[in-house]
Structures are given as C-alpha cells and as structure tokens.
Amino acid sequence: MTALLAGDELDEALAEIPEWTFAHGTEITRTFTAPTFLDGIELVRRVAVAAEEANHHPDIDIRWRKVTFTLSTHEAGGLTRRDVALARQIDDLFG
C-alpha cells in the first residue's frame, strides 16, 4: 500500500501544486476553465490517458467549460505521492 502524506511531507507536497485545494483531509481538487466545451472534453480525454498509464484515476466533474478533478488514493484512505504526481501531470496537460 502507498503511504499517506502527513506533516512536513504533506506541506511540501501541497506546495508543489499550489493551484490545488486540500479538502476534507483526504483529497485534493482543482477546477479548470477551458476556452470551449470541446476543449474541456479534450482535457478530460488527455487526463484519462495519463490516469490509465498511472493506474490512478481521478473523480471528474464536467460542467460546460469547467472541469473539476478530485484526487485521493482510496486504498490508502487519503492523499499520497501518487495523487500529487497526477495533479502535476494534469497541470501540465492544461498548459
């Protein structure tokens, strides 16, 4: 099982992804606003490919041009390095 982030390690990890919000003590979330609905869907498609490659899948909420990703390692019961790594990938994919 992947280790949960806590204490200084958690603070350092969250500093790497400043646009993401740490919520409920177990997850991170970020909403992206795409230029068009189709651009938002394309972002979701690209994230889906990265998630499949990492075998780590976000919760995704699509509301017209706004796409919200929520990450948590369910089997670990909270936030892990896997979530932070995928969050960085999602940031890179959004550009």
PDB file of N, CA and C in Angstrom:
ATOM      1  N   MET A   1       0.839  -1.183   0.000  1.00  0.00           N
ATOM      2  CA  MET A   1       0.000   0.000   0.000  1.00  0.00           C
ATOM      3  C   MET A   1       0.883   1.246   0.000  1.00  0.00           C
ATOM      4  N   THR A   2       0.393   2.279  -0.655  1.00  0.00           N
ATOM      5  CA  THR A   2       1.091   3.556  -0.722  1.00  0.00           C
ATOM      6  C   THR A   2       0.897   4.322   0.580  1.00  0.00           C
ATOM      7  N   ALA A   3       1.968   4.951   1.073  1.00  0.00           N
ATOM      8  CA  ALA A   3       1.919   5.669   2.351  1.00  0.00           C
ATOM      9  C   ALA A   3       1.206   7.009   2.220  1.00  0.00           C
ATOM     10  N   LEU A   4       0.411   7.335   3.231  1.00  0.00           N
ATOM     11  CA  LEU A   4      -0.250   8.633   3.289  1.00  0.00           C
ATOM     12  C   LEU A   4       0.769   9.733   3.554  1.00  0.00           C
ATOM     13  N   LEU A   5       0.514  10.899   2.973  1.00  0.00           N
ATOM     14  CA  LEU A   5       1.340  12.065   3.257  1.00  0.00           C
ATOM     15  C   LEU A   5       0.846  12.715   4.542  1.00  0.00           C
ATOM     16  N   ALA A   6       1.773  13.138   5.392  1.00  0.00           N
ATOM     17  CA  ALA A   6       1.408  13.787   6.660  1.00  0.00           C
ATOM     18  C   ALA A   6       2.520  14.756   7.063  1.00  0.00           C
ATOM     19  N   GLY A   7       2.167  15.688   7.933  1.00  0.00           N
ATOM     20  CA  GLY A   7       3.147  16.617   8.498  1.00  0.00           C
ATOM     21  C   GLY A   7       3.875  17.430   7.452  1.00  0.00           C
ATOM     22  N   ASP A   8       5.187  17.548   7.624  1.00  0.00           N
ATOM     23  CA  ASP A   8       6.018  18.336   6.711  1.00  0.00           C
ATOM     24  C   ASP A   8       5.976  17.790   5.289  1.00  0.00           C
ATOM     25  N   GLU A   9       5.925  16.477   5.168  1.00  0.00           N
ATOM     26  CA  GLU A   9       5.876  15.861   3.841  1.00  0.00           C
ATOM     27  C   GLU A   9       4.609  16.289   3.100  1.00  0.00           C
ATOM     28  N   LEU A  10       3.495  16.352   3.798  1.00  0.00           N
ATOM     29  CA  LEU A  10       2.237  16.812   3.211  1.00  0.00           C
ATOM     30  C   LEU A  10       2.347  18.286   2.815  1.00  0.00           C
ATOM     31  N   ASP A  11       2.879  19.114   3.705  1.00  0.00           N
ATOM     32  CA  ASP A  11       3.043  20.540   3.409  1.00  0.00           C
ATOM     33  C   ASP A  11       3.913  20.761   2.184  1.00  0.00           C
ATOM     34  N   GLU A  12       5.007  20.027   2.072  1.00  0.00           N
ATOM     35  CA  GLU A  12       5.908  20.149   0.926  1.00  0.00           C
ATOM     36  C   GLU A  12       5.224  19.700  -0.354  1.00  0.00           C
ATOM     37  N   ALA A  13       4.472  18.616  -0.281  1.00  0.00           N
ATOM     38  CA  ALA A  13       3.772  18.110  -1.463  1.00  0.00           C
ATOM     39  C   ALA A  13       2.734  19.120  -1.948  1.00  0.00           C
ATOM     40  N   LEU A  14       1.974  19.704  -1.026  1.00  0.00           N
ATOM     41  CA  LEU A  14       0.954  20.678  -1.401  1.00  0.00           C
ATOM     42  C   LEU A  14       1.590  21.949  -1.977  1.00  0.00           C
ATOM     43  N   ALA A  15       2.787  22.295  -1.525  1.00  0.00           N
ATOM     44  CA  ALA A  15       3.494  23.461  -2.063  1.00  0.00           C
ATOM     45  C   ALA A  15       3.879  23.248  -3.533  1.00  0.00           C
ATOM     46  N   GLU A  16       4.032  21.983  -3.940  1.00  0.00           N
ATOM     47  CA  GLU A  16       4.369  21.661  -5.329  1.00  0.00           C
ATOM     48  C   GLU A  16       3.199  21.906  -6.273  1.00  0.00           C
ATOM     49  N   ILE A  17       1.982  21.935  -5.738  1.00  0.00           N
ATOM     50  CA  ILE A  17       0.780  22.064  -6.562  1.00  0.00           C
ATOM     51  C   ILE A  17      -0.127  23.159  -5.979  1.00  0.00           C
ATOM     52  N   PRO A  18       0.336  24.415  -6.002  1.00  0.00           N
ATOM     53  CA  PRO A  18      -0.363  25.490  -5.288  1.00  0.00           C
ATOM     54  C   PRO A  18      -1.774  25.793  -5.783  1.00  0.00           C
ATOM     55  N   GLU A  19      -2.112  25.418  -6.988  1.00  0.00           N
ATOM     56  CA  GLU A  19      -3.448  25.698  -7.514  1.00  0.00           C
ATOM     57  C   GLU A  19      -4.492  24.685  -7.017  1.00  0.00           C
ATOM     58  N   TRP A  20      -4.038  23.628  -6.376  1.00  0.00           N
ATOM     59  CA  TRP A  20      -4.932  22.592  -5.891  1.00  0.00           C
ATOM     60  C   TRP A  20      -5.336  22.890  -4.452  1.00  0.00           C
ATOM     61  N   THR A  21      -6.554  22.503  -4.091  1.00  0.00           N
ATOM     62  CA  THR A  21      -7.086  22.722  -2.759  1.00  0.00           C
ATOM     63  C   THR A  21      -7.137  21.394  -2.012  1.00  0.00           C
ATOM     64  N   PHE A  22      -6.602  21.398  -0.807  1.00  0.00           N
ATOM     65  CA  PHE A  22      -6.640  20.218   0.060  1.00  0.00           C
ATOM     66  C   PHE A  22      -7.974  20.260   0.796  1.00  0.00           C
ATOM     67  N   ALA A  23      -8.778  19.223   0.635  1.00  0.00           N
ATOM     68  CA  ALA A  23     -10.129  19.240   1.190  1.00  0.00           C
ATOM     69  C   ALA A  23     -10.425  17.973   1.984  1.00  0.00           C
ATOM     70  N   HIS A  24     -11.199  18.139   3.025  1.00  0.00           N
ATOM     71  CA  HIS A  24     -11.685  17.023   3.844  1.00  0.00           C
ATOM     72  C   HIS A  24     -10.567  16.195   4.465  1.00  0.00           C
ATOM     73  N   GLY A  25      -9.344  16.665   4.390  1.00  0.00           N
ATOM     74  CA  GLY A  25      -8.217  15.939   4.961  1.00  0.00           C
ATOM     75  C   GLY A  25      -7.822  14.696   4.201  1.00  0.00           C
ATOM     76  N   THR A  26      -8.476  14.461   3.053  1.00  0.00           N
ATOM     77  CA  THR A  26      -8.206  13.219   2.330  1.00  0.00           C
ATOM     78  C   THR A  26      -8.040  13.378   0.836  1.00  0.00           C
ATOM     79  N   GLU A  27      -8.264  14.595   0.285  1.00  0.00           N
ATOM     80  CA  GLU A  27      -8.252  14.736  -1.166  1.00  0.00           C
ATOM     81  C   GLU A  27      -7.784  16.122  -1.582  1.00  0.00           C
ATOM     82  N   ILE A  28      -7.409  16.212  -2.857  1.00  0.00           N
ATOM     83  CA  ILE A  28      -7.099  17.497  -3.458  1.00  0.00           C
ATOM     84  C   ILE A  28      -8.025  17.689  -4.647  1.00  0.00           C
ATOM     85  N   THR A  29      -8.333  18.954  -4.918  1.00  0.00           N
ATOM     86  CA  THR A  29      -9.250  19.246  -6.015  1.00  0.00           C
ATOM     87  C   THR A  29      -8.821  20.530  -6.725  1.00  0.00           C
ATOM     88  N   ARG A  30      -9.125  20.573  -8.010  1.00  0.00           N
ATOM     89  CA  ARG A  30      -8.863  21.784  -8.794  1.00  0.00           C
ATOM     90  C   ARG A  30      -9.869  21.850  -9.931  1.00  0.00           C
ATOM     91  N   THR A  31     -10.368  23.054 -10.177  1.00  0.00           N
ATOM     92  CA  THR A  31     -11.281  23.295 -11.287  1.00  0.00           C
ATOM     93  C   THR A  31     -10.562  24.087 -12.364  1.00  0.00           C
ATOM     94  N   PHE A  32     -10.664  23.603 -13.580  1.00  0.00           N
ATOM     95  CA  PHE A  32     -10.085  24.258 -14.752  1.00  0.00           C
ATOM     96  C   PHE A  32     -11.219  24.821 -15.595  1.00  0.00           C
ATOM     97  N   THR A  33     -11.026  26.004 -16.156  1.00  0.00           N
ATOM     98  CA  THR A  33     -11.991  26.561 -17.083  1.00  0.00           C
ATOM     99  C   THR A  33     -11.373  26.547 -18.470  1.00  0.00           C
ATOM    100  N   ALA A  34     -11.964  25.751 -19.347  1.00  0.00           N
ATOM    101  CA  ALA A  34     -11.470  25.611 -20.713  1.00  0.00           C
ATOM    102  C   ALA A  34     -12.072  26.707 -21.594  1.00  0.00           C
ATOM    103  N   PRO A  35     -11.408  27.041 -22.689  1.00  0.00           N
ATOM    104  CA  PRO A  35     -11.939  28.072 -23.594  1.00  0.00           C
ATOM    105  C   PRO A  35     -13.306  27.701 -24.182  1.00  0.00           C
ATOM    106  N   THR A  36     -13.488  26.408 -24.466  1.00  0.00           N
ATOM    107  CA  THR A  36     -14.755  25.932 -25.035  1.00  0.00           C
ATOM    108  C   THR A  36     -15.114  24.609 -24.370  1.00  0.00           C
ATOM    109  N   PHE A  37     -16.361  24.199 -24.551  1.00  0.00           N
ATOM    110  CA  PHE A  37     -16.795  22.904 -24.035  1.00  0.00           C
ATOM    111  C   PHE A  37     -15.931  21.776 -24.603  1.00  0.00           C
ATOM    112  N   LEU A  38     -15.695  21.812 -25.907  1.00  0.00           N
ATOM    113  CA  LEU A  38     -14.897  20.744 -26.531  1.00  0.00           C
ATOM    114  C   LEU A  38     -13.459  20.732 -26.014  1.00  0.00           C
ATOM    115  N   ASP A  39     -12.893  21.890 -25.704  1.00  0.00           N
ATOM    116  CA  ASP A  39     -11.549  21.933 -25.114  1.00  0.00           C
ATOM    117  C   ASP A  39     -11.555  21.259 -23.741  1.00  0.00           C
ATOM    118  N   GLY A  40     -12.623  21.459 -22.977  1.00  0.00           N
ATOM    119  CA  GLY A  40     -12.752  20.800 -21.678  1.00  0.00           C
ATOM    120  C   GLY A  40     -12.830  19.287 -21.827  1.00  0.00           C
ATOM    121  N   ILE A  41     -13.583  18.840 -22.797  1.00  0.00           N
ATOM    122  CA  ILE A  41     -13.690  17.400 -23.055  1.00  0.00           C
ATOM    123  C   ILE A  41     -12.342  16.840 -23.507  1.00  0.00           C
ATOM    124  N   GLU A  42     -11.618  17.593 -24.301  1.00  0.00           N
ATOM    125  CA  GLU A  42     -10.285  17.147 -24.742  1.00  0.00           C
ATOM    126  C   GLU A  42      -9.332  17.053 -23.555  1.00  0.00           C
ATOM    127  N   LEU A  43      -9.414  17.992 -22.617  1.00  0.00           N
ATOM    128  CA  LEU A  43      -8.598  17.897 -21.402  1.00  0.00           C
ATOM    129  C   LEU A  43      -8.928  16.613 -20.650  1.00  0.00           C
ATOM    130  N   VAL A  44     -10.200  16.317 -20.502  1.00  0.00           N
ATOM    131  CA  VAL A  44     -10.609  15.089 -19.815  1.00  0.00           C
ATOM    132  C   VAL A  44     -10.036  13.872 -20.543  1.00  0.00           C
ATOM    133  N   ARG A  45     -10.082  13.872 -21.873  1.00  0.00           N
ATOM    134  CA  ARG A  45      -9.543  12.740 -22.637  1.00  0.00           C
ATOM    135  C   ARG A  45      -8.048  12.560 -22.378  1.00  0.00           C
ATOM    136  N   ARG A  46      -7.312  13.676 -22.388  1.00  0.00           N
ATOM    137  CA  ARG A  46      -5.857  13.591 -22.156  1.00  0.00           C
ATOM    138  C   ARG A  46      -5.558  13.130 -20.729  1.00  0.00           C
ATOM    139  N   VAL A  47      -6.326  13.618 -19.769  1.00  0.00           N
ATOM    140  CA  VAL A  47      -6.141  13.176 -18.380  1.00  0.00           C
ATOM    141  C   VAL A  47      -6.482  11.700 -18.257  1.00  0.00           C
ATOM    142  N   ALA A  48      -7.508  11.249 -18.961  1.00  0.00           N
ATOM    143  CA  ALA A  48      -7.883   9.826 -18.910  1.00  0.00           C
ATOM    144  C   ALA A  48      -6.739   8.939 -19.396  1.00  0.00           C
ATOM    145  N   VAL A  49      -6.049   9.359 -20.422  1.00  0.00           N
ATOM    146  CA  VAL A  49      -4.900   8.594 -20.928  1.00  0.00           C
ATOM    147  C   VAL A  49      -3.797   8.541 -19.865  1.00  0.00           C
ATOM    148  N   ALA A  50      -3.476   9.685 -19.281  1.00  0.00           N
ATOM    149  CA  ALA A  50      -2.435   9.725 -18.235  1.00  0.00           C
ATOM    150  C   ALA A  50      -2.848   8.894 -17.028  1.00  0.00           C
ATOM    151  N   ALA A  51      -4.115   8.953 -16.657  1.00  0.00           N
ATOM    152  CA  ALA A  51      -4.611   8.194 -15.500  1.00  0.00           C
ATOM    153  C   ALA A  51      -4.524   6.693 -15.764  1.00  0.00           C
ATOM    154  N   GLU A  52      -4.865   6.279 -16.952  1.00  0.00           N
ATOM    155  CA  GLU A  52      -4.762   4.851 -17.299  1.00  0.00           C
ATOM    156  C   GLU A  52      -3.312   4.386 -17.225  1.00  0.00           C
ATOM    157  N   GLU A  53      -2.403   5.205 -17.759  1.00  0.00           N
ATOM    158  CA  GLU A  53      -0.980   4.843 -17.723  1.00  0.00           C
ATOM    159  C   GLU A  53      -0.477   4.730 -16.284  1.00  0.00           C
ATOM    160  N   ALA A  54      -0.976   5.587 -15.402  1.00  0.00           N
ATOM    161  CA  ALA A  54      -0.550   5.583 -13.998  1.00  0.00           C
ATOM    162  C   ALA A  54      -1.362   4.601 -13.155  1.00  0.00           C
ATOM    163  N   ASN A  55      -2.437   4.064 -13.733  1.00  0.00           N
ATOM    164  CA  ASN A  55      -3.379   3.212 -12.997  1.00  0.00           C
ATOM    165  C   ASN A  55      -3.842   3.925 -11.725  1.00  0.00           C
ATOM    166  N   HIS A  56      -4.176   5.197 -11.905  1.00  0.00           N
ATOM    167  CA  HIS A  56      -4.629   6.040 -10.787  1.00  0.00           C
ATOM    168  C   HIS A  56      -5.637   7.028 -11.358  1.00  0.00           C
ATOM    169  N   HIS A  57      -6.896   6.908 -10.973  1.00  0.00           N
ATOM    170  CA  HIS A  57      -7.977   7.598 -11.672  1.00  0.00           C
ATOM    171  C   HIS A  57      -8.651   8.659 -10.805  1.00  0.00           C
ATOM    172  N   PRO A  58      -8.759   9.880 -11.336  1.00  0.00           N
ATOM    173  CA  PRO A  58      -9.412  10.958 -10.585  1.00  0.00           C
ATOM    174  C   PRO A  58     -10.932  10.866 -10.706  1.00  0.00           C
ATOM    175  N   ASP A  59     -11.615  11.498  -9.774  1.00  0.00           N
ATOM    176  CA  ASP A  59     -13.035  11.777  -9.950  1.00  0.00           C
ATOM    177  C   ASP A  59     -13.094  13.023 -10.827  1.00  0.00           C
ATOM    178  N   ILE A  60     -14.017  13.037 -11.783  1.00  0.00           N
ATOM    179  CA  ILE A  60     -14.099  14.132 -12.747  1.00  0.00           C
ATOM    180  C   ILE A  60     -15.537  14.640 -12.801  1.00  0.00           C
ATOM    181  N   ASP A  61     -15.681  15.950 -12.699  1.00  0.00           N
ATOM    182  CA  ASP A  61     -16.980  16.598 -12.814  1.00  0.00           C
ATOM    183  C   ASP A  61     -16.889  17.612 -13.947  1.00  0.00           C
ATOM    184  N   ILE A  62     -17.769  17.479 -14.936  1.00  0.00           N
ATOM    185  CA  ILE A  62     -17.768  18.374 -16.095  1.00  0.00           C
ATOM    186  C   ILE A  62     -19.040  19.216 -16.046  1.00  0.00           C
ATOM    187  N   ARG A  63     -18.855  20.524 -16.057  1.00  0.00           N
ATOM    188  CA  ARG A  63     -19.967  21.475 -16.076  1.00  0.00           C
ATOM    189  C   ARG A  63     -19.667  22.512 -17.150  1.00  0.00           C
ATOM    190  N   TRP A  64     -20.148  22.262 -18.347  1.00  0.00           N
ATOM    191  CA  TRP A  64     -19.923  23.090 -19.522  1.00  0.00           C
ATOM    192  C   TRP A  64     -18.431  23.257 -19.751  1.00  0.00           C
ATOM    193  N   ARG A  65     -17.838  24.431 -19.524  1.00  0.00           N
ATOM    194  CA  ARG A  65     -16.406  24.635 -19.769  1.00  0.00           C
ATOM    195  C   ARG A  65     -15.571  24.389 -18.524  1.00  0.00           C
ATOM    196  N   LYS A  66     -16.213  24.129 -17.389  1.00  0.00           N
ATOM    197  CA  LYS A  66     -15.489  23.909 -16.132  1.00  0.00           C
ATOM    198  C   LYS A  66     -15.358  22.414 -15.866  1.00  0.00           C
ATOM    199  N   VAL A  67     -14.111  22.020 -15.636  1.00  0.00           N
ATOM    200  CA  VAL A  67     -13.816  20.619 -15.350  1.00  0.00           C
ATOM    201  C   VAL A  67     -13.100  20.556 -14.005  1.00  0.00           C
ATOM    202  N   THR A  68     -13.666  19.795 -13.078  1.00  0.00           N
ATOM    203  CA  THR A  68     -13.075  19.653 -11.755  1.00  0.00           C
ATOM    204  C   THR A  68     -12.535  18.239 -11.588  1.00  0.00           C
ATOM    205  N   PHE A  69     -11.282  18.175 -11.157  1.00  0.00           N
ATOM    206  CA  PHE A  69     -10.638  16.892 -10.869  1.00  0.00           C
ATOM    207  C   PHE A  69     -10.449  16.788  -9.361  1.00  0.00           C
ATOM    208  N   THR A  70     -10.756  15.626  -8.818  1.00  0.00           N
ATOM    209  CA  THR A  70     -10.539  15.344  -7.405  1.00  0.00           C
ATOM    210  C   THR A  70      -9.686  14.095  -7.305  1.00  0.00           C
ATOM    211  N   LEU A  71      -8.619  14.193  -6.516  1.00  0.00           N
ATOM    212  CA  LEU A  71      -7.675  13.086  -6.375  1.00  0.00           C
ATOM    213  C   LEU A  71      -7.552  12.658  -4.924  1.00  0.00           C
ATOM    214  N   SER A  72      -7.536  11.355  -4.728  1.00  0.00           N
ATOM    215  CA  SER A  72      -7.302  10.738  -3.428  1.00  0.00           C
ATOM    216  C   SER A  72      -6.953   9.285  -3.693  1.00  0.00           C
ATOM    217  N   THR A  73      -6.090   8.721  -2.877  1.00  0.00           N
ATOM    218  CA  THR A  73      -5.763   7.308  -3.019  1.00  0.00           C
ATOM    219  C   THR A  73      -6.695   6.537  -2.088  1.00  0.00           C
ATOM    220  N   HIS A  74      -7.767   6.031  -2.647  1.00  0.00           N
ATOM    221  CA  HIS A  74      -8.826   5.417  -1.850  1.00  0.00           C
ATOM    222  C   HIS A  74      -8.323   4.249  -1.003  1.00  0.00           C
ATOM    223  N   GLU A  75      -7.462   3.416  -1.588  1.00  0.00           N
ATOM    224  CA  GLU A  75      -6.971   2.252  -0.843  1.00  0.00           C
ATOM    225  C   GLU A  75      -6.118   2.637   0.363  1.00  0.00           C
ATOM    226  N   ALA A  76      -5.517   3.840   0.307  1.00  0.00           N
ATOM    227  CA  ALA A  76      -4.709   4.322   1.429  1.00  0.00           C
ATOM    228  C   ALA A  76      -5.527   5.185   2.388  1.00  0.00           C
ATOM    229  N   GLY A  77      -6.699   5.619   1.936  1.00  0.00           N
ATOM    230  CA  GLY A  77      -7.556   6.436   2.781  1.00  0.00           C
ATOM    231  C   GLY A  77      -7.186   7.907   2.833  1.00  0.00           C
ATOM    232  N   GLY A  78      -6.522   8.402   1.783  1.00  0.00           N
ATOM    233  CA  GLY A  78      -6.154   9.816   1.783  1.00  0.00           C
ATOM    234  C   GLY A  78      -5.168  10.163   0.699  1.00  0.00           C
ATOM    235  N   LEU A  79      -4.420  11.215   0.932  1.00  0.00           N
ATOM    236  CA  LEU A  79      -3.509  11.772  -0.049  1.00  0.00           C
ATOM    237  C   LEU A  79      -2.146  11.083  -0.012  1.00  0.00           C
ATOM    238  N   THR A  80      -1.661  10.718  -1.202  1.00  0.00           N
ATOM    239  CA  THR A  80      -0.345  10.081  -1.335  1.00  0.00           C
ATOM    240  C   THR A  80       0.442  10.767  -2.449  1.00  0.00           C
ATOM    241  N   ARG A  81       1.684  10.368  -2.602  1.00  0.00           N
ATOM    242  CA  ARG A  81       2.539  10.892  -3.677  1.00  0.00           C
ATOM    243  C   ARG A  81       1.925  10.638  -5.046  1.00  0.00           C
ATOM    244  N   ARG A  82       1.157   9.548  -5.188  1.00  0.00           N
ATOM    245  CA  ARG A  82       0.512   9.250  -6.474  1.00  0.00           C
ATOM    246  C   ARG A  82      -0.443  10.373  -6.868  1.00  0.00           C
ATOM    247  N   ASP A  83      -1.151  10.914  -5.890  1.00  0.00           N
ATOM    248  CA  ASP A  83      -2.092  11.996  -6.168  1.00  0.00           C
ATOM    249  C   ASP A  83      -1.358  13.261  -6.597  1.00  0.00           C
ATOM    250  N   VAL A  84      -0.288  13.575  -5.907  1.00  0.00           N
ATOM    251  CA  VAL A  84       0.494  14.771  -6.225  1.00  0.00           C
ATOM    252  C   VAL A  84       1.107  14.640  -7.620  1.00  0.00           C
ATOM    253  N   ALA A  85       1.610  13.474  -7.947  1.00  0.00           N
ATOM    254  CA  ALA A  85       2.206  13.253  -9.269  1.00  0.00           C
ATOM    255  C   ALA A  85       1.160  13.421 -10.376  1.00  0.00           C
ATOM    256  N   LEU A  86      -0.036  12.872 -10.171  1.00  0.00           N
ATOM    257  CA  LEU A  86      -1.068  13.015 -11.189  1.00  0.00           C
ATOM    258  C   LEU A  86      -1.561  14.457 -11.264  1.00  0.00           C
ATOM    259  N   ALA A  87      -1.642  15.141 -10.149  1.00  0.00           N
ATOM    260  CA  ALA A  87      -2.036  16.555 -10.157  1.00  0.00           C
ATOM    261  C   ALA A  87      -1.050  17.381 -10.997  1.00  0.00           C
ATOM    262  N   ARG A  88       0.245  17.115 -10.850  1.00  0.00           N
ATOM    263  CA  ARG A  88       1.247  17.833 -11.650  1.00  0.00           C
ATOM    264  C   ARG A  88       1.062  17.530 -13.133  1.00  0.00           C
ATOM    265  N   GLN A  89       0.771  16.267 -13.446  1.00  0.00           N
ATOM    266  CA  GLN A  89       0.525  15.897 -14.855  1.00  0.00           C
ATOM    267  C   GLN A  89      -0.691  16.629 -15.411  1.00  0.00           C
ATOM    268  N   ILE A  90      -1.753  16.694 -14.621  1.00  0.00           N
ATOM    269  CA  ILE A  90      -2.961  17.390 -15.065  1.00  0.00           C
ATOM    270  C   ILE A  90      -2.649  18.871 -15.296  1.00  0.00           C
ATOM    271  N   ASP A  91      -1.909  19.484 -14.393  1.00  0.00           N
ATOM    272  CA  ASP A  91      -1.497  20.885 -14.587  1.00  0.00           C
ATOM    273  C   ASP A  91      -0.744  21.049 -15.902  1.00  0.00           C
ATOM    274  N   ASP A  92       0.182  20.147 -16.170  1.00  0.00           N
ATOM    275  CA  ASP A  92       0.955  20.209 -17.417  1.00  0.00           C
ATOM    276  C   ASP A  92       0.071  20.037 -18.644  1.00  0.00           C
ATOM    277  N   LEU A  93      -0.913  19.139 -18.554  1.00  0.00           N
ATOM    278  CA  LEU A  93      -1.798  18.898 -19.690  1.00  0.00           C
ATOM    279  C   LEU A  93      -2.699  20.104 -19.973  1.00  0.00           C
ATOM    280  N   PHE A  94      -3.062  20.841 -18.942  1.00  0.00           N
ATOM    281  CA  PHE A  94      -3.896  22.015 -19.140  1.00  0.00           C
ATOM    282  C   PHE A  94      -3.107  23.144 -19.789  1.00  0.00           C
ATOM    283  N   GLY A  95      -1.807  23.154 -19.501  1.00  0.00           N
ATOM    284  CA  GLY A  95      -0.939  24.139 -20.127  1.00  0.00           C
ATOM    285  C   GLY A  95      -0.840  25.350 -19.327  1.00  0.00           C
TER     286      GLY A  95
END
